Amino acid sequence: MERDWVKIYTSSDYYRSEIVKQVLFEHQIASVLFNKQDLSHRSFGNIEVYIHQEDFSKAIELIILNQTLNL
C-alpha cells in the first residue's frame, strides 16, 4: 500500500465497513477495504478502511456524524 494511506476505521462487521466506505465515496473520498478476517472463521480478525492522509479530517467528521445517526 502507498505511504499516504491511513487507517480511518476498523470493524469485525464487513457490512458496517462497507457502509463507511460508501459514505466516504458519496463525499468524494477515495477509500479501500483491507480484510484481515480469517477465511474459515469470520469471527476472527477485522476489516480496516483506509483513506488518503489529506482526507483524514473530513473523513473523521463524516464518520462521527454518521455514527451519531446510527451508521
Foldseek 3Di string as FASTA:
>chain_A
DDDQKDWQDKDLDPVVLVVLCVLCVVVVWHKDWDFPADPVDSNDGIITIITGNVCRVVSNVSVVVVVVVVD
